[in-house]
């Protein structure tokens, strides 16, 4: 059965069709999830977000369009994961809401119970918080720019394919395009992302 046929059956309540679609595109979900990092989360969290994107693709795919279900699903999965990553990076007040005072005495402290958390923690390492915060800020800005760039399906597939380390020929084969289309789409995507970054 084709993806489009399985999508129609899945929408009709056929759980077997839904499971077949998930099984068929499981590798794509894992591949996309492995390309991102979720602050305060685990790789399984990103896989779950990818699966949500896949379910949205099943729900929203239109069989009257030229794009294949796989391409549409890839776009939905990527967008869902990026949204999750952006949401996680925006939780800037979480540390303030879940703080623990360094001057408090921990209840389960072994040995001398008069020691504070600040005395128990090891000395600071060579890690530099300003550099780490600056890098996190750049990542958030890039993710925001990607969301605002409003990339078309072929532009998104091209730029994410390049980010995944694929050459133009492989991206073209995977998406059903010719190499020139992928090249043009990648150039357009770069321009759109650059404009969105400048606007930020």
N, C-alpha and C. Protein backbone atom coordinates (compact mmCIF):
# COMPACT_ATOMS: atom_id res chain seq x y z
N UNK A 1 0.83 -1.20 0.00
CA UNK A 1 0.00 0.00 0.00
C UNK A 1 0.87 1.25 0.00
N UNK A 2 0.41 2.27 -0.71
CA UNK A 2 1.15 3.52 -0.74
C UNK A 2 0.90 4.29 0.56
N UNK A 3 1.75 5.30 0.80
CA UNK A 3 1.56 6.14 1.98
C UNK A 3 0.20 6.83 1.94
N UNK A 4 -0.16 7.33 0.75
CA UNK A 4 -1.42 8.06 0.62
C UNK A 4 -2.61 7.16 0.97
N UNK A 5 -2.57 5.92 0.54
CA UNK A 5 -3.66 4.98 0.85
C UNK A 5 -3.71 4.70 2.36
N UNK A 6 -2.54 4.54 2.95
CA UNK A 6 -2.49 4.30 4.40
C UNK A 6 -3.00 5.51 5.18
N UNK A 7 -2.68 6.73 4.69
CA UNK A 7 -3.16 7.94 5.35
C UNK A 7 -4.68 7.97 5.35
N UNK A 8 -5.29 7.69 4.19
CA UNK A 8 -6.75 7.70 4.09
C UNK A 8 -7.38 6.66 5.03
N UNK A 9 -6.77 5.50 5.09
CA UNK A 9 -7.30 4.46 5.99
C UNK A 9 -7.12 4.87 7.45
N UNK A 10 -5.98 5.46 7.75
CA UNK A 10 -5.71 5.89 9.12
C UNK A 10 -6.74 6.92 9.57
N UNK A 11 -7.06 7.85 8.70
CA UNK A 11 -8.06 8.87 9.03
C UNK A 11 -9.44 8.26 9.22
N UNK A 12 -9.66 7.13 8.57
CA UNK A 12 -10.94 6.44 8.73
C UNK A 12 -11.01 5.61 10.00
N UNK A 13 -9.96 5.65 10.80
CA UNK A 13 -9.97 4.94 12.07
C UNK A 13 -9.24 3.61 12.06
N UNK A 14 -8.54 3.32 10.96
CA UNK A 14 -7.80 2.05 10.85
C UNK A 14 -6.47 2.17 11.61
N UNK A 15 -6.42 1.58 12.80
CA UNK A 15 -5.21 1.69 13.63
C UNK A 15 -4.04 0.92 13.04
N UNK A 16 -4.33 -0.14 12.30
CA UNK A 16 -3.26 -0.91 11.66
C UNK A 16 -2.55 -0.04 10.63
N UNK A 17 -3.33 0.75 9.87
CA UNK A 17 -2.74 1.65 8.88
C UNK A 17 -1.87 2.70 9.56
N UNK A 18 -2.35 3.22 10.70
CA UNK A 18 -1.56 4.21 11.44
C UNK A 18 -0.25 3.60 11.92
N UNK A 19 -0.32 2.38 12.46
CA UNK A 19 0.91 1.72 12.94
C UNK A 19 1.87 1.46 11.78
N UNK A 20 1.33 1.10 10.62
CA UNK A 20 2.20 0.84 9.46
C UNK A 20 2.91 2.13 9.02
N UNK A 21 2.19 3.24 9.02
CA UNK A 21 2.81 4.52 8.66
C UNK A 21 3.90 4.90 9.65
N UNK A 22 3.61 4.72 10.93
CA UNK A 22 4.61 5.05 11.96
C UNK A 22 5.84 4.16 11.80
N UNK A 23 5.61 2.87 11.58
CA UNK A 23 6.72 1.94 11.41
C UNK A 23 7.54 2.28 10.17
N UNK A 24 6.84 2.65 9.10
CA UNK A 24 7.50 2.97 7.83
C UNK A 24 8.37 4.22 7.94
N UNK A 25 7.95 5.18 8.77
CA UNK A 25 8.67 6.47 8.86
C UNK A 25 9.39 6.65 10.19
N UNK A 26 9.52 5.56 10.95
CA UNK A 26 10.21 5.60 12.24
C UNK A 26 11.67 6.05 12.09
N UNK A 27 12.35 5.54 11.07
CA UNK A 27 13.77 5.91 10.86
C UNK A 27 13.91 7.40 10.59
N UNK A 28 12.95 7.96 9.85
CA UNK A 28 12.98 9.40 9.56
C UNK A 28 12.82 10.21 10.85
N UNK A 29 11.92 9.78 11.72
CA UNK A 29 11.72 10.47 13.00
C UNK A 29 13.01 10.43 13.82
N UNK A 30 13.62 9.26 13.89
CA UNK A 30 14.88 9.13 14.67
C UNK A 30 16.00 9.98 14.07
N UNK A 31 16.09 9.99 12.74
CA UNK A 31 17.13 10.78 12.06
C UNK A 31 16.97 12.25 12.37
N UNK A 32 15.75 12.74 12.26
CA UNK A 32 15.51 14.17 12.52
C UNK A 32 15.75 14.50 14.00
N UNK A 33 15.32 13.63 14.90
CA UNK A 33 15.51 13.87 16.33
C UNK A 33 16.99 13.90 16.70
N UNK A 34 17.79 13.09 16.02
CA UNK A 34 19.22 13.03 16.34
C UNK A 34 19.97 14.29 15.92
N UNK A 35 19.35 15.12 15.09
CA UNK A 35 20.00 16.34 14.59
C UNK A 35 19.87 17.52 15.55
N UNK A 36 19.09 17.36 16.62
CA UNK A 36 18.82 18.48 17.51
C UNK A 36 19.14 18.12 18.95
N UNK A 37 19.24 19.17 19.77
CA UNK A 37 19.50 19.01 21.20
C UNK A 37 18.40 19.74 21.95
N UNK A 38 17.78 19.07 22.89
CA UNK A 38 16.71 19.66 23.68
C UNK A 38 17.24 20.00 25.07
N UNK A 39 17.27 21.28 25.36
CA UNK A 39 17.78 21.75 26.65
C UNK A 39 16.94 21.18 27.78
N UNK A 40 17.57 20.46 28.69
CA UNK A 40 16.87 19.88 29.82
C UNK A 40 16.06 18.65 29.47
N UNK A 41 16.26 18.10 28.29
CA UNK A 41 15.51 16.92 27.87
C UNK A 41 16.44 15.81 27.42
N UNK A 42 15.84 14.73 26.96
CA UNK A 42 16.60 13.59 26.48
C UNK A 42 16.25 13.34 25.03
N UNK A 43 17.03 12.47 24.38
CA UNK A 43 16.78 12.18 22.97
C UNK A 43 15.39 11.58 22.77
N UNK A 44 14.90 10.81 23.76
CA UNK A 44 13.56 10.24 23.66
C UNK A 44 12.49 11.32 23.59
N UNK A 45 12.74 12.45 24.26
CA UNK A 45 11.77 13.55 24.21
C UNK A 45 11.65 14.10 22.79
N UNK A 46 12.79 14.21 22.11
CA UNK A 46 12.76 14.70 20.73
C UNK A 46 12.10 13.69 19.80
N UNK A 47 12.32 12.41 20.06
CA UNK A 47 11.65 11.37 19.26
C UNK A 47 10.14 11.47 19.44
N UNK A 48 9.70 11.72 20.68
CA UNK A 48 8.26 11.89 20.93
C UNK A 48 7.72 13.10 20.16
N UNK A 49 8.49 14.18 20.16
CA UNK A 49 8.07 15.36 19.40
C UNK A 49 7.99 15.04 17.91
N UNK A 50 8.98 14.28 17.42
CA UNK A 50 8.96 13.87 16.03
C UNK A 50 7.75 13.03 15.69
N UNK A 51 7.36 12.13 16.61
CA UNK A 51 6.17 11.32 16.40
C UNK A 51 4.90 12.18 16.37
N UNK A 52 4.88 13.22 17.21
CA UNK A 52 3.75 14.15 17.16
C UNK A 52 3.68 14.81 15.79
N UNK A 53 4.85 15.20 15.27
CA UNK A 53 4.89 15.78 13.93
C UNK A 53 4.39 14.81 12.88
N UNK A 54 4.75 13.54 13.02
CA UNK A 54 4.29 12.51 12.08
C UNK A 54 2.77 12.36 12.15
N UNK A 55 2.22 12.34 13.37
CA UNK A 55 0.76 12.24 13.51
C UNK A 55 0.06 13.46 12.90
N UNK A 56 0.68 14.64 13.06
CA UNK A 56 0.10 15.84 12.44
C UNK A 56 0.14 15.73 10.92
N UNK A 57 1.23 15.14 10.40
CA UNK A 57 1.33 14.94 8.96
C UNK A 57 0.23 14.01 8.46
N UNK A 58 -0.03 12.94 9.22
CA UNK A 58 -1.11 12.01 8.85
C UNK A 58 -2.44 12.75 8.85
N UNK A 59 -2.63 13.59 9.84
CA UNK A 59 -3.89 14.33 9.97
C UNK A 59 -4.07 15.36 8.86
N UNK A 60 -2.98 16.05 8.47
CA UNK A 60 -3.09 17.20 7.57
C UNK A 60 -2.70 16.95 6.12
N UNK A 61 -2.16 15.79 5.80
CA UNK A 61 -1.68 15.54 4.43
C UNK A 61 -2.83 15.57 3.44
N UNK A 62 -2.58 16.25 2.32
CA UNK A 62 -3.60 16.33 1.26
C UNK A 62 -3.11 15.53 0.06
N UNK A 63 -3.88 14.54 -0.30
CA UNK A 63 -3.48 13.65 -1.40
C UNK A 63 -3.59 14.32 -2.75
N UNK A 64 -4.27 15.47 -2.84
CA UNK A 64 -4.40 16.17 -4.12
C UNK A 64 -3.20 17.06 -4.44
N UNK A 65 -2.24 17.12 -3.52
CA UNK A 65 -1.04 17.93 -3.75
C UNK A 65 0.04 17.09 -4.43
N UNK A 66 1.01 17.77 -5.06
CA UNK A 66 2.09 17.07 -5.76
C UNK A 66 3.11 16.46 -4.80
N UNK A 67 3.27 17.06 -3.65
CA UNK A 67 4.29 16.59 -2.70
C UNK A 67 3.94 15.21 -2.17
N UNK A 68 4.96 14.37 -2.02
CA UNK A 68 4.73 13.03 -1.48
C UNK A 68 4.49 13.12 0.02
N UNK A 69 3.89 12.09 0.58
CA UNK A 69 3.64 12.07 2.01
C UNK A 69 4.95 12.13 2.79
N UNK A 70 5.98 11.43 2.30
CA UNK A 70 7.26 11.41 3.02
C UNK A 70 7.83 12.82 3.15
N UNK A 71 7.78 13.58 2.06
CA UNK A 71 8.30 14.95 2.11
C UNK A 71 7.50 15.81 3.08
N UNK A 72 6.18 15.66 3.02
CA UNK A 72 5.32 16.42 3.91
C UNK A 72 5.56 16.01 5.37
N UNK A 73 5.69 14.71 5.60
CA UNK A 73 5.95 14.22 6.95
C UNK A 73 7.28 14.74 7.48
N UNK A 74 8.29 14.74 6.62
CA UNK A 74 9.61 15.24 7.04
C UNK A 74 9.52 16.69 7.48
N UNK A 75 8.77 17.49 6.72
CA UNK A 75 8.61 18.89 7.06
C UNK A 75 7.86 19.04 8.40
N UNK A 76 6.79 18.29 8.59
CA UNK A 76 6.01 18.36 9.84
C UNK A 76 6.85 17.90 11.04
N UNK A 77 7.61 16.83 10.86
CA UNK A 77 8.45 16.31 11.94
C UNK A 77 9.50 17.35 12.33
N UNK A 78 10.16 17.92 11.32
CA UNK A 78 11.21 18.92 11.57
C UNK A 78 10.63 20.13 12.29
N UNK A 79 9.49 20.62 11.82
CA UNK A 79 8.89 21.80 12.45
C UNK A 79 8.48 21.52 13.90
N UNK A 80 7.95 20.34 14.15
CA UNK A 80 7.54 19.99 15.52
C UNK A 80 8.75 19.95 16.45
N UNK A 81 9.84 19.36 15.97
CA UNK A 81 11.06 19.27 16.79
C UNK A 81 11.64 20.66 17.03
N UNK A 82 11.70 21.49 15.99
CA UNK A 82 12.24 22.84 16.14
C UNK A 82 11.39 23.64 17.13
N UNK A 83 10.07 23.49 17.05
CA UNK A 83 9.19 24.19 17.99
C UNK A 83 9.49 23.76 19.43
N UNK A 84 9.69 22.46 19.63
CA UNK A 84 10.00 21.96 20.98
C UNK A 84 11.32 22.52 21.48
N UNK A 85 12.33 22.56 20.60
CA UNK A 85 13.64 23.09 20.98
C UNK A 85 13.53 24.57 21.31
N UNK A 86 12.79 25.32 20.48
CA UNK A 86 12.62 26.75 20.74
C UNK A 86 11.90 26.99 22.06
N UNK A 87 10.88 26.21 22.33
CA UNK A 87 10.13 26.35 23.57
C UNK A 87 11.03 26.08 24.77
N UNK A 88 11.87 25.06 24.65
CA UNK A 88 12.78 24.72 25.75
C UNK A 88 13.79 25.83 26.00
N UNK A 89 14.28 26.46 24.93
CA UNK A 89 15.28 27.52 25.10
C UNK A 89 14.66 28.80 25.62
N UNK A 90 13.34 28.94 25.51
CA UNK A 90 12.68 30.16 26.00
C UNK A 90 12.35 30.09 27.48
N UNK A 91 12.51 28.94 28.10
CA UNK A 91 12.22 28.81 29.54
C UNK A 91 13.34 29.43 30.35
N UNK A 92 13.56 30.73 30.13
CA UNK A 92 14.71 31.38 30.77
C UNK A 92 14.51 31.62 32.27
N UNK A 93 13.26 31.60 32.73
CA UNK A 93 13.02 31.85 34.15
C UNK A 93 12.93 30.57 34.98
N UNK A 94 13.03 29.41 34.33
CA UNK A 94 12.94 28.15 35.06
C UNK A 94 13.96 28.05 36.19
N UNK A 95 15.23 28.42 35.98
CA UNK A 95 16.19 28.32 37.09
C UNK A 95 15.79 29.16 38.31
N UNK A 96 15.18 30.32 38.06
CA UNK A 96 14.76 31.16 39.18
C UNK A 96 13.60 30.54 39.95
N UNK A 97 12.74 29.84 39.22
CA UNK A 97 11.57 29.24 39.85
C UNK A 97 11.90 27.94 40.58
N UNK A 98 13.02 27.32 40.24
CA UNK A 98 13.37 26.04 40.84
C UNK A 98 14.73 26.10 41.55
N UNK A 99 15.05 27.24 42.10
CA UNK A 99 16.37 27.41 42.70
C UNK A 99 16.48 26.70 44.04
N UNK A 100 17.71 26.42 44.42
CA UNK A 100 18.02 25.90 45.75
C UNK A 100 19.11 26.80 46.30
N UNK A 101 18.90 27.31 47.48
CA UNK A 101 19.86 28.22 48.08
C UNK A 101 21.16 27.50 48.42
N UNK A 102 22.29 28.10 48.09
CA UNK A 102 23.59 27.53 48.43
C UNK A 102 23.86 27.59 49.93
N UNK A 103 23.13 28.46 50.61
CA UNK A 103 23.38 28.59 52.04
C UNK A 103 22.51 27.66 52.88
N UNK A 104 21.63 26.88 52.21
CA UNK A 104 20.79 25.95 52.98
C UNK A 104 21.56 24.66 53.27
N UNK A 105 21.24 24.05 54.39
CA UNK A 105 21.86 22.78 54.76
C UNK A 105 21.02 21.66 54.19
N UNK A 106 21.62 20.80 53.33
CA UNK A 106 20.82 19.72 52.73
C UNK A 106 20.40 18.70 53.77
N UNK A 107 19.16 18.21 53.66
CA UNK A 107 18.62 17.25 54.64
C UNK A 107 19.35 15.92 54.57
N UNK A 108 19.77 15.52 53.36
CA UNK A 108 20.38 14.20 53.21
C UNK A 108 21.90 14.28 53.12
N UNK A 109 22.49 15.34 53.67
CA UNK A 109 23.95 15.49 53.57
C UNK A 109 24.63 14.44 54.42
N UNK A 110 25.57 13.73 53.81
CA UNK A 110 26.31 12.73 54.56
C UNK A 110 27.40 13.40 55.38
N UNK A 111 27.78 12.80 56.45
CA UNK A 111 28.88 13.35 57.26
C UNK A 111 28.42 14.54 58.08
N UNK A 112 29.11 15.66 57.93
CA UNK A 112 28.84 16.86 58.72
C UNK A 112 27.55 17.53 58.24
N UNK A 113 26.51 17.46 59.02
CA UNK A 113 25.22 18.02 58.61
C UNK A 113 25.17 19.54 58.73
N UNK A 114 26.24 20.17 59.25
CA UNK A 114 26.27 21.62 59.35
C UNK A 114 26.82 22.28 58.08
N UNK A 115 27.28 21.47 57.14
CA UNK A 115 27.83 22.02 55.90
C UNK A 115 26.70 22.49 54.99
N UNK A 116 26.94 23.59 54.29
CA UNK A 116 25.95 24.11 53.34
C UNK A 116 26.20 23.50 51.96
N UNK A 117 25.23 23.68 51.07
CA UNK A 117 25.38 23.16 49.70
C UNK A 117 26.58 23.81 49.02
N UNK A 118 26.77 25.11 49.27
CA UNK A 118 27.90 25.83 48.68
C UNK A 118 29.25 25.24 49.10
N UNK A 119 29.33 24.71 50.31
CA UNK A 119 30.58 24.12 50.79
C UNK A 119 30.76 22.70 50.25
N UNK A 120 29.66 22.01 49.96
CA UNK A 120 29.74 20.64 49.46
C UNK A 120 30.11 20.60 47.97
N UNK A 121 29.61 21.57 47.21
CA UNK A 121 29.86 21.57 45.76
C UNK A 121 31.34 21.74 45.46
N UNK A 122 31.82 21.12 44.37
CA UNK A 122 33.24 21.30 44.01
C UNK A 122 33.51 22.71 43.53
N UNK A 123 34.78 23.06 43.53
CA UNK A 123 35.18 24.39 43.08
C UNK A 123 34.82 24.57 41.60
N UNK A 124 34.62 25.81 41.16
CA UNK A 124 34.27 26.05 39.76
C UNK A 124 35.36 25.53 38.83
N UNK A 125 34.93 25.04 37.67
CA UNK A 125 35.89 24.55 36.68
C UNK A 125 36.22 25.66 35.70
N UNK A 126 36.84 25.31 34.60
CA UNK A 126 37.23 26.31 33.61
C UNK A 126 36.06 26.67 32.69
N UNK A 127 34.88 26.08 32.90
CA UNK A 127 33.71 26.40 32.09
C UNK A 127 33.34 27.86 32.29
N UNK A 128 33.09 28.56 31.22
CA UNK A 128 32.80 29.98 31.29
C UNK A 128 31.33 30.24 30.97
N UNK A 129 30.51 30.57 31.97
CA UNK A 129 29.09 30.80 31.72
C UNK A 129 28.80 31.86 30.66
N UNK A 130 29.55 32.99 30.60
CA UNK A 130 29.21 33.96 29.56
C UNK A 130 29.31 33.37 28.14
N UNK A 131 30.35 32.55 27.89
CA UNK A 131 30.50 31.93 26.57
C UNK A 131 29.36 30.97 26.28
N UNK A 132 28.99 30.18 27.29
CA UNK A 132 27.91 29.22 27.12
C UNK A 132 26.59 29.93 26.86
N UNK A 133 26.33 31.01 27.57
CA UNK A 133 25.09 31.77 27.37
C UNK A 133 25.06 32.40 25.99
N UNK A 134 26.22 32.90 25.55
CA UNK A 134 26.30 33.51 24.23
C UNK A 134 26.01 32.47 23.14
N UNK A 135 26.56 31.26 23.29
CA UNK A 135 26.32 30.18 22.32
C UNK A 135 24.85 29.79 22.32
N UNK A 136 24.24 29.69 23.50
CA UNK A 136 22.82 29.34 23.59
C UNK A 136 21.96 30.42 22.95
N UNK A 137 22.35 31.67 23.13
CA UNK A 137 21.62 32.78 22.52
C UNK A 137 21.68 32.73 21.00
N UNK A 138 22.87 32.38 20.47
CA UNK A 138 23.02 32.25 19.01
C UNK A 138 22.13 31.14 18.49
N UNK A 139 22.10 30.00 19.20
CA UNK A 139 21.28 28.87 18.77
C UNK A 139 19.81 29.26 18.76
N UNK A 140 19.36 29.96 19.79
CA UNK A 140 17.96 30.39 19.85
C UNK A 140 17.64 31.35 18.72
N UNK A 141 18.59 32.25 18.41
CA UNK A 141 18.37 33.21 17.32
C UNK A 141 18.26 32.50 15.98
N UNK A 142 19.08 31.48 15.78
CA UNK A 142 19.03 30.72 14.52
C UNK A 142 17.71 29.97 14.40
N UNK A 143 17.26 29.36 15.49
CA UNK A 143 15.98 28.64 15.47
C UNK A 143 14.82 29.60 15.21
N UNK A 144 14.87 30.79 15.82
CA UNK A 144 13.84 31.79 15.57
C UNK A 144 13.85 32.21 14.11
N UNK A 145 15.05 32.41 13.56
CA UNK A 145 15.17 32.80 12.15
C UNK A 145 14.61 31.73 11.23
N UNK A 146 14.87 30.46 11.55
CA UNK A 146 14.32 29.36 10.74
C UNK A 146 12.80 29.38 10.76
N UNK A 147 12.23 29.65 11.91
CA UNK A 147 10.77 29.68 12.01
C UNK A 147 10.18 30.85 11.24
N UNK A 148 10.87 32.01 11.28
CA UNK A 148 10.36 33.20 10.61
C UNK A 148 10.67 33.23 9.12
N UNK A 149 11.61 32.41 8.66
CA UNK A 149 12.03 32.45 7.26
C UNK A 149 10.95 31.99 6.30
N UNK A 150 9.96 31.25 6.81
CA UNK A 150 8.83 30.79 6.00
C UNK A 150 9.31 30.04 4.76
N UNK A 151 10.08 28.99 4.99
CA UNK A 151 10.65 28.22 3.89
C UNK A 151 9.59 27.33 3.24
N UNK A 152 9.69 27.19 1.93
CA UNK A 152 8.80 26.26 1.22
C UNK A 152 9.28 24.84 1.51
N UNK A 153 8.50 23.86 1.07
CA UNK A 153 8.86 22.46 1.33
C UNK A 153 10.21 22.12 0.72
N UNK A 154 10.43 22.51 -0.54
CA UNK A 154 11.69 22.15 -1.20
C UNK A 154 12.86 22.91 -0.57
N UNK A 155 12.63 24.17 -0.16
CA UNK A 155 13.69 24.93 0.50
C UNK A 155 14.05 24.29 1.84
N UNK A 156 13.03 23.90 2.58
CA UNK A 156 13.26 23.25 3.88
C UNK A 156 14.00 21.93 3.70
N UNK A 157 13.55 21.11 2.76
CA UNK A 157 14.21 19.83 2.51
C UNK A 157 15.66 20.04 2.09
N UNK A 158 15.90 21.05 1.28
CA UNK A 158 17.26 21.31 0.79
C UNK A 158 18.18 21.74 1.91
N UNK A 159 17.74 22.71 2.70
CA UNK A 159 18.62 23.26 3.73
C UNK A 159 18.84 22.27 4.86
N UNK A 160 17.78 21.50 5.22
CA UNK A 160 17.95 20.50 6.27
C UNK A 160 18.76 19.31 5.76
N UNK A 161 18.62 19.00 4.47
CA UNK A 161 19.44 17.94 3.89
C UNK A 161 20.91 18.30 3.94
N UNK A 162 21.22 19.55 3.62
CA UNK A 162 22.60 20.03 3.68
C UNK A 162 23.10 19.98 5.13
N UNK A 163 22.23 20.40 6.07
CA UNK A 163 22.60 20.35 7.49
C UNK A 163 22.86 18.92 7.95
N UNK A 164 22.16 17.95 7.33
CA UNK A 164 22.36 16.55 7.68
C UNK A 164 23.59 15.95 7.00
N UNK A 165 24.30 16.77 6.18
CA UNK A 165 25.51 16.30 5.53
C UNK A 165 25.29 15.64 4.19
N UNK A 166 24.10 15.81 3.60
CA UNK A 166 23.81 15.20 2.30
C UNK A 166 24.25 16.13 1.17
N UNK A 167 24.66 15.55 0.05
CA UNK A 167 24.97 16.37 -1.11
C UNK A 167 23.69 16.62 -1.91
N UNK A 168 23.77 17.55 -2.89
CA UNK A 168 22.60 17.93 -3.66
C UNK A 168 21.96 16.74 -4.38
N UNK A 169 22.78 15.83 -4.89
CA UNK A 169 22.24 14.68 -5.62
C UNK A 169 21.38 13.81 -4.70
N UNK A 170 21.87 13.56 -3.50
CA UNK A 170 21.12 12.71 -2.55
C UNK A 170 19.82 13.40 -2.12
N UNK A 171 19.89 14.71 -1.88
CA UNK A 171 18.69 15.47 -1.51
C UNK A 171 17.67 15.41 -2.64
N UNK A 172 18.16 15.57 -3.87
CA UNK A 172 17.27 15.54 -5.04
C UNK A 172 16.61 14.17 -5.18
N UNK A 173 17.38 13.11 -5.00
CA UNK A 173 16.82 11.76 -5.09
C UNK A 173 15.78 11.53 -4.00
N UNK A 174 16.10 11.96 -2.79
CA UNK A 174 15.21 11.73 -1.66
C UNK A 174 13.89 12.48 -1.81
N UNK A 175 13.95 13.69 -2.37
CA UNK A 175 12.73 14.49 -2.48
C UNK A 175 12.04 14.42 -3.83
N UNK A 176 12.66 13.75 -4.81
CA UNK A 176 12.05 13.65 -6.13
C UNK A 176 12.23 14.92 -6.94
N UNK A 177 13.33 15.64 -6.72
CA UNK A 177 13.62 16.87 -7.46
C UNK A 177 14.82 16.63 -8.36
N UNK A 178 15.12 17.63 -9.22
CA UNK A 178 16.40 17.55 -9.92
C UNK A 178 17.42 18.39 -9.15
N UNK A 179 18.67 18.18 -9.45
CA UNK A 179 19.76 18.80 -8.67
C UNK A 179 19.69 20.32 -8.74
N UNK A 180 19.32 20.87 -9.90
CA UNK A 180 19.23 22.32 -10.06
C UNK A 180 18.16 22.91 -9.15
N UNK A 181 17.02 22.21 -9.02
CA UNK A 181 15.96 22.67 -8.11
C UNK A 181 16.48 22.75 -6.68
N UNK A 182 17.21 21.72 -6.27
CA UNK A 182 17.75 21.68 -4.91
C UNK A 182 18.75 22.82 -4.71
N UNK A 183 19.62 23.05 -5.69
CA UNK A 183 20.60 24.12 -5.61
C UNK A 183 19.91 25.48 -5.47
N UNK A 184 18.91 25.74 -6.33
CA UNK A 184 18.18 27.01 -6.28
C UNK A 184 17.44 27.16 -4.95
N UNK A 185 16.80 26.09 -4.50
CA UNK A 185 16.05 26.13 -3.25
C UNK A 185 16.98 26.40 -2.07
N UNK A 186 18.15 25.78 -2.07
CA UNK A 186 19.12 25.99 -0.98
C UNK A 186 19.57 27.44 -0.95
N UNK A 187 19.81 28.04 -2.13
CA UNK A 187 20.24 29.45 -2.19
C UNK A 187 19.13 30.36 -1.66
N UNK A 188 17.88 30.08 -2.08
CA UNK A 188 16.75 30.88 -1.59
C UNK A 188 16.62 30.75 -0.07
N UNK A 189 16.74 29.53 0.43
CA UNK A 189 16.62 29.30 1.87
C UNK A 189 17.69 30.06 2.63
N UNK A 190 18.92 30.03 2.12
CA UNK A 190 20.01 30.76 2.79
C UNK A 190 19.71 32.25 2.85
N UNK A 191 19.20 32.80 1.73
CA UNK A 191 18.87 34.23 1.71
C UNK A 191 17.77 34.56 2.71
N UNK A 192 16.71 33.73 2.72
CA UNK A 192 15.59 33.97 3.63
C UNK A 192 16.05 33.90 5.09
N UNK A 193 16.88 32.91 5.41
CA UNK A 193 17.36 32.76 6.78
C UNK A 193 18.26 33.94 7.17
N UNK A 194 19.11 34.39 6.22
CA UNK A 194 19.98 35.53 6.49
C UNK A 194 19.16 36.79 6.76
N UNK A 195 18.10 37.00 5.97
CA UNK A 195 17.23 38.16 6.17
C UNK A 195 16.55 38.07 7.52
N UNK A 196 16.06 36.88 7.88
CA UNK A 196 15.40 36.70 9.17
C UNK A 196 16.37 36.92 10.33
N UNK A 197 17.63 36.50 10.17
CA UNK A 197 18.63 36.72 11.22
C UNK A 197 18.94 38.20 11.37
N UNK A 198 19.04 38.91 10.23
CA UNK A 198 19.32 40.35 10.30
C UNK A 198 18.17 41.09 10.97
N UNK A 199 16.93 40.65 10.68
CA UNK A 199 15.76 41.29 11.28
C UNK A 199 15.73 41.09 12.78
N UNK A 200 16.31 39.98 13.25
CA UNK A 200 16.35 39.72 14.70
C UNK A 200 17.37 40.64 15.31
